[in-house]
């Protein structure tokens, strides 16, 4: 049998720090087809997200 060459892929940049943040960012992208900045999503503050939506005219 041929030998398998296993390599380790470098870890990608963290998309979210919690499952809640991940869900928020995914929901936001699916709803507005735009990415929510991580500085906003990591706060998990829906009021701040709402203000961002209004400011970006989404």
PDB file of N, CA and C in Angstrom:
ATOM      1  N   UNK A   1       0.836  -1.192   0.000  1.00  0.00           N
ATOM      2  CA  UNK A   1       0.000   0.000   0.000  1.00  0.00           C
ATOM      3  C   UNK A   1       0.874   1.244   0.000  1.00  0.00           C
ATOM      4  N   UNK A   2       0.399   2.298  -0.651  1.00  0.00           N
ATOM      5  CA  UNK A   2       1.170   3.549  -0.663  1.00  0.00           C
ATOM      6  C   UNK A   2       1.164   4.208   0.714  1.00  0.00           C
ATOM      7  N   UNK A   3       2.211   4.941   1.002  1.00  0.00           N
ATOM      8  CA  UNK A   3       2.304   5.667   2.271  1.00  0.00           C
ATOM      9  C   UNK A   3       1.483   6.957   2.170  1.00  0.00           C
ATOM     10  N   UNK A   4       0.755   7.250   3.225  1.00  0.00           N
ATOM     11  CA  UNK A   4      -0.011   8.499   3.257  1.00  0.00           C
ATOM     12  C   UNK A   4       0.859   9.592   3.847  1.00  0.00           C
ATOM     13  N   UNK A   5       0.775  10.750   3.251  1.00  0.00           N
ATOM     14  CA  UNK A   5       1.514  11.906   3.742  1.00  0.00           C
ATOM     15  C   UNK A   5       0.518  12.846   4.417  1.00  0.00           C
ATOM     16  N   UNK A   6       0.501  12.835   5.732  1.00  0.00           N
ATOM     17  CA  UNK A   6      -0.421  13.686   6.467  1.00  0.00           C
ATOM     18  C   UNK A   6       0.272  14.990   6.820  1.00  0.00           C
ATOM     19  N   UNK A   7      -0.402  16.083   6.546  1.00  0.00           N
ATOM     20  CA  UNK A   7       0.140  17.388   6.889  1.00  0.00           C
ATOM     21  C   UNK A   7      -0.855  18.142   7.755  1.00  0.00           C
ATOM     22  N   UNK A   8      -0.351  19.048   8.516  1.00  0.00           N
ATOM     23  CA  UNK A   8      -1.199  19.856   9.389  1.00  0.00           C
ATOM     24  C   UNK A   8      -1.415  21.206   8.719  1.00  0.00           C
ATOM     25  N   UNK A   9      -2.667  21.596   8.637  1.00  0.00           N
ATOM     26  CA  UNK A   9      -3.004  22.897   8.064  1.00  0.00           C
ATOM     27  C   UNK A   9      -2.974  23.926   9.188  1.00  0.00           C
ATOM     28  N   UNK A  10      -2.351  25.042   8.923  1.00  0.00           N
ATOM     29  CA  UNK A  10      -2.297  26.105   9.938  1.00  0.00           C
ATOM     30  C   UNK A  10      -3.710  26.545  10.298  1.00  0.00           C
ATOM     31  N   UNK A  11      -3.921  26.887  11.540  1.00  0.00           N
ATOM     32  CA  UNK A  11      -5.237  27.306  12.006  1.00  0.00           C
ATOM     33  C   UNK A  11      -5.634  28.621  11.348  1.00  0.00           C
ATOM     34  N   UNK A  12      -6.891  28.661  10.925  1.00  0.00           N
ATOM     35  CA  UNK A  12      -7.417  29.876  10.322  1.00  0.00           C
ATOM     36  C   UNK A  12      -7.736  30.906  11.393  1.00  0.00           C
ATOM     37  N   UNK A  13      -7.861  32.161  10.974  1.00  0.00           N
ATOM     38  CA  UNK A  13      -8.216  33.231  11.889  1.00  0.00           C
ATOM     39  C   UNK A  13      -9.560  32.912  12.531  1.00  0.00           C
ATOM     40  N   UNK A  14      -9.700  33.197  13.798  1.00  0.00           N
ATOM     41  CA  UNK A  14     -10.927  32.884  14.525  1.00  0.00           C
ATOM     42  C   UNK A  14     -12.090  33.698  13.976  1.00  0.00           C
ATOM     43  N   UNK A  15     -13.152  32.987  13.630  1.00  0.00           N
ATOM     44  CA  UNK A  15     -14.344  33.622  13.077  1.00  0.00           C
ATOM     45  C   UNK A  15     -15.243  34.140  14.186  1.00  0.00           C
ATOM     46  N   UNK A  16     -15.297  33.405  15.298  1.00  0.00           N
ATOM     47  CA  UNK A  16     -16.124  33.793  16.431  1.00  0.00           C
ATOM     48  C   UNK A  16     -15.527  33.189  17.699  1.00  0.00           C
ATOM     49  N   UNK A  17     -15.736  33.863  18.806  1.00  0.00           N
ATOM     50  CA  UNK A  17     -15.185  33.396  20.072  1.00  0.00           C
ATOM     51  C   UNK A  17     -16.182  32.589  20.892  1.00  0.00           C
ATOM     52  N   UNK A  18     -17.453  32.616  20.495  1.00  0.00           N
ATOM     53  CA  UNK A  18     -18.466  31.824  21.187  1.00  0.00           C
ATOM     54  C   UNK A  18     -19.490  31.346  20.172  1.00  0.00           C
ATOM     55  N   UNK A  19     -20.266  30.360  20.572  1.00  0.00           N
ATOM     56  CA  UNK A  19     -21.293  29.841  19.677  1.00  0.00           C
ATOM     57  C   UNK A  19     -22.356  30.907  19.409  1.00  0.00           C
ATOM     58  N   UNK A  20     -22.697  31.689  20.427  1.00  0.00           N
ATOM     59  CA  UNK A  20     -23.681  32.765  20.261  1.00  0.00           C
ATOM     60  C   UNK A  20     -23.194  33.775  19.239  1.00  0.00           C
ATOM     61  N   UNK A  21     -21.925  34.161  19.339  1.00  0.00           N
ATOM     62  CA  UNK A  21     -21.359  35.116  18.381  1.00  0.00           C
ATOM     63  C   UNK A  21     -21.377  34.525  16.972  1.00  0.00           C
ATOM     64  N   UNK A  22     -21.036  33.261  16.851  1.00  0.00           N
ATOM     65  CA  UNK A  22     -21.067  32.601  15.554  1.00  0.00           C
ATOM     66  C   UNK A  22     -22.473  32.654  14.953  1.00  0.00           C
ATOM     67  N   UNK A  23     -23.477  32.333  15.769  1.00  0.00           N
ATOM     68  CA  UNK A  23     -24.862  32.349  15.288  1.00  0.00           C
ATOM     69  C   UNK A  23     -25.285  33.748  14.869  1.00  0.00           C
ATOM     70  N   UNK A  24     -24.876  34.754  15.642  1.00  0.00           N
ATOM     71  CA  UNK A  24     -25.209  36.143  15.298  1.00  0.00           C
ATOM     72  C   UNK A  24     -24.605  36.528  13.951  1.00  0.00           C
ATOM     73  N   UNK A  25     -23.339  36.211  13.773  1.00  0.00           N
ATOM     74  CA  UNK A  25     -22.651  36.584  12.537  1.00  0.00           C
ATOM     75  C   UNK A  25     -23.229  35.851  11.343  1.00  0.00           C
ATOM     76  N   UNK A  26     -23.559  34.596  11.529  1.00  0.00           N
ATOM     77  CA  UNK A  26     -24.143  33.816  10.433  1.00  0.00           C
ATOM     78  C   UNK A  26     -25.522  34.357  10.078  1.00  0.00           C
ATOM     79  N   UNK A  27     -26.358  34.621  11.087  1.00  0.00           N
ATOM     80  CA  UNK A  27     -27.688  35.177  10.862  1.00  0.00           C
ATOM     81  C   UNK A  27     -27.583  36.521  10.140  1.00  0.00           C
ATOM     82  N   UNK A  28     -26.667  37.353  10.595  1.00  0.00           N
ATOM     83  CA  UNK A  28     -26.483  38.671   9.991  1.00  0.00           C
ATOM     84  C   UNK A  28     -26.101  38.541   8.521  1.00  0.00           C
ATOM     85  N   UNK A  29     -25.163  37.659   8.233  1.00  0.00           N
ATOM     86  CA  UNK A  29     -24.726  37.474   6.840  1.00  0.00           C
ATOM     87  C   UNK A  29     -25.860  36.946   5.971  1.00  0.00           C
ATOM     88  N   UNK A  30     -26.610  35.984   6.468  1.00  0.00           N
ATOM     89  CA  UNK A  30     -27.724  35.430   5.699  1.00  0.00           C
ATOM     90  C   UNK A  30     -28.831  36.459   5.490  1.00  0.00           C
ATOM     91  N   UNK A  31     -29.017  37.348   6.451  1.00  0.00           N
ATOM     92  CA  UNK A  31     -30.084  38.348   6.365  1.00  0.00           C
ATOM     93  C   UNK A  31     -29.725  39.552   5.506  1.00  0.00           C
ATOM     94  N   UNK A  32     -28.473  40.009   5.607  1.00  0.00           N
ATOM     95  CA  UNK A  32     -28.082  41.257   4.955  1.00  0.00           C
ATOM     96  C   UNK A  32     -27.023  41.100   3.872  1.00  0.00           C
ATOM     97  N   UNK A  33     -26.525  39.886   3.688  1.00  0.00           N
ATOM     98  CA  UNK A  33     -25.454  39.617   2.726  1.00  0.00           C
ATOM     99  C   UNK A  33     -24.268  40.556   2.941  1.00  0.00           C
ATOM    100  N   UNK A  34     -23.981  40.794   4.201  1.00  0.00           N
ATOM    101  CA  UNK A  34     -22.847  41.618   4.616  1.00  0.00           C
ATOM    102  C   UNK A  34     -22.295  41.003   5.898  1.00  0.00           C
ATOM    103  N   UNK A  35     -21.006  41.218   6.121  1.00  0.00           N
ATOM    104  CA  UNK A  35     -20.389  40.647   7.314  1.00  0.00           C
ATOM    105  C   UNK A  35     -20.443  41.640   8.465  1.00  0.00           C
ATOM    106  N   UNK A  36     -20.849  41.152   9.618  1.00  0.00           N
ATOM    107  CA  UNK A  36     -20.884  41.967  10.824  1.00  0.00           C
ATOM    108  C   UNK A  36     -19.479  42.020  11.410  1.00  0.00           C
ATOM    109  N   UNK A  37     -18.930  43.219  11.645  1.00  0.00           N
ATOM    110  CA  UNK A  37     -17.584  43.311  12.211  1.00  0.00           C
ATOM    111  C   UNK A  37     -17.489  42.589  13.551  1.00  0.00           C
ATOM    112  N   UNK A  38     -16.378  41.907  13.754  1.00  0.00           N
ATOM    113  CA  UNK A  38     -16.207  41.123  14.977  1.00  0.00           C
ATOM    114  C   UNK A  38     -16.187  42.013  16.222  1.00  0.00           C
ATOM    115  N   UNK A  39     -15.744  43.245  16.098  1.00  0.00           N
ATOM    116  CA  UNK A  39     -15.741  44.146  17.257  1.00  0.00           C
ATOM    117  C   UNK A  39     -17.159  44.333  17.783  1.00  0.00           C
ATOM    118  N   UNK A  40     -18.140  44.294  16.888  1.00  0.00           N
ATOM    119  CA  UNK A  40     -19.536  44.462  17.289  1.00  0.00           C
ATOM    120  C   UNK A  40     -20.126  43.126  17.733  1.00  0.00           C
ATOM    121  N   UNK A  41     -19.883  42.080  16.953  1.00  0.00           N
ATOM    122  CA  UNK A  41     -20.507  40.792  17.262  1.00  0.00           C
ATOM    123  C   UNK A  41     -20.014  40.197  18.580  1.00  0.00           C
ATOM    124  N   UNK A  42     -18.762  40.425  18.929  1.00  0.00           N
ATOM    125  CA  UNK A  42     -18.252  39.813  20.159  1.00  0.00           C
ATOM    126  C   UNK A  42     -18.867  40.426  21.409  1.00  0.00           C
ATOM    127  N   UNK A  43     -19.485  41.601  21.282  1.00  0.00           N
ATOM    128  CA  UNK A  43     -20.184  42.191  22.426  1.00  0.00           C
ATOM    129  C   UNK A  43     -21.509  41.488  22.689  1.00  0.00           C
ATOM    130  N   UNK A  44     -22.041  40.816  21.661  1.00  0.00           N
ATOM    131  CA  UNK A  44     -23.339  40.130  21.735  1.00  0.00           C
ATOM    132  C   UNK A  44     -24.441  41.088  22.191  1.00  0.00           C
ATOM    133  N   UNK A  45     -24.324  42.345  21.780  1.00  0.00           N
ATOM    134  CA  UNK A  45     -25.273  43.401  22.149  1.00  0.00           C
ATOM    135  C   UNK A  45     -26.177  43.692  20.950  1.00  0.00           C
ATOM    136  N   UNK A  46     -27.436  43.257  21.017  1.00  0.00           N
ATOM    137  CA  UNK A  46     -28.358  43.429  19.888  1.00  0.00           C
ATOM    138  C   UNK A  46     -28.643  44.898  19.615  1.00  0.00           C
ATOM    139  N   UNK A  47     -28.620  45.751  20.634  1.00  0.00           N
ATOM    140  CA  UNK A  47     -28.837  47.182  20.425  1.00  0.00           C
ATOM    141  C   UNK A  47     -27.710  47.773  19.579  1.00  0.00           C
ATOM    142  N   UNK A  48     -26.492  47.413  19.875  1.00  0.00           N
ATOM    143  CA  UNK A  48     -25.344  47.886  19.099  1.00  0.00           C
ATOM    144  C   UNK A  48     -25.425  47.381  17.659  1.00  0.00           C
ATOM    145  N   UNK A  49     -25.854  46.143  17.479  1.00  0.00           N
ATOM    146  CA  UNK A  49     -26.010  45.587  16.137  1.00  0.00           C
ATOM    147  C   UNK A  49     -27.097  46.341  15.378  1.00  0.00           C
ATOM    148  N   UNK A  50     -28.179  46.645  16.045  1.00  0.00           N
ATOM    149  CA  UNK A  50     -29.268  47.409  15.425  1.00  0.00           C
ATOM    150  C   UNK A  50     -28.787  48.787  14.980  1.00  0.00           C
ATOM    151  N   UNK A  51     -27.994  49.439  15.809  1.00  0.00           N
ATOM    152  CA  UNK A  51     -27.434  50.751  15.454  1.00  0.00           C
ATOM    153  C   UNK A  51     -26.502  50.634  14.247  1.00  0.00           C
ATOM    154  N   UNK A  52     -25.738  49.554  14.188  1.00  0.00           N
ATOM    155  CA  UNK A  52     -24.839  49.320  13.063  1.00  0.00           C
ATOM    156  C   UNK A  52     -25.644  49.137  11.767  1.00  0.00           C
ATOM    157  N   UNK A  53     -26.732  48.393  11.842  1.00  0.00           N
ATOM    158  CA  UNK A  53     -27.589  48.173  10.670  1.00  0.00           C
ATOM    159  C   UNK A  53     -28.120  49.509  10.155  1.00  0.00           C
ATOM    160  N   UNK A  54     -28.590  50.349  11.058  1.00  0.00           N
ATOM    161  CA  UNK A  54     -29.117  51.662  10.651  1.00  0.00           C
ATOM    162  C   UNK A  54     -28.007  52.539  10.075  1.00  0.00           C
ATOM    163  N   UNK A  55     -26.844  52.519  10.687  1.00  0.00           N
ATOM    164  CA  UNK A  55     -25.726  53.354  10.217  1.00  0.00           C
ATOM    165  C   UNK A  55     -25.244  52.916   8.838  1.00  0.00           C
ATOM    166  N   UNK A  56     -25.312  51.616   8.556  1.00  0.00           N
ATOM    167  CA  UNK A  56     -24.853  51.085   7.264  1.00  0.00           C
ATOM    168  C   UNK A  56     -25.963  51.098   6.220  1.00  0.00           C
ATOM    169  N   UNK A  57     -27.169  51.496   6.629  1.00  0.00           N
ATOM    170  CA  UNK A  57     -28.341  51.534   5.743  1.00  0.00           C
ATOM    171  C   UNK A  57     -28.586  50.166   5.092  1.00  0.00           C
ATOM    172  N   UNK A  58     -28.605  49.145   5.940  1.00  0.00           N
ATOM    173  CA  UNK A  58     -28.812  47.771   5.438  1.00  0.00           C
ATOM    174  C   UNK A  58     -30.277  47.384   5.481  1.00  0.00           C
TER     175      UNK A  58
END
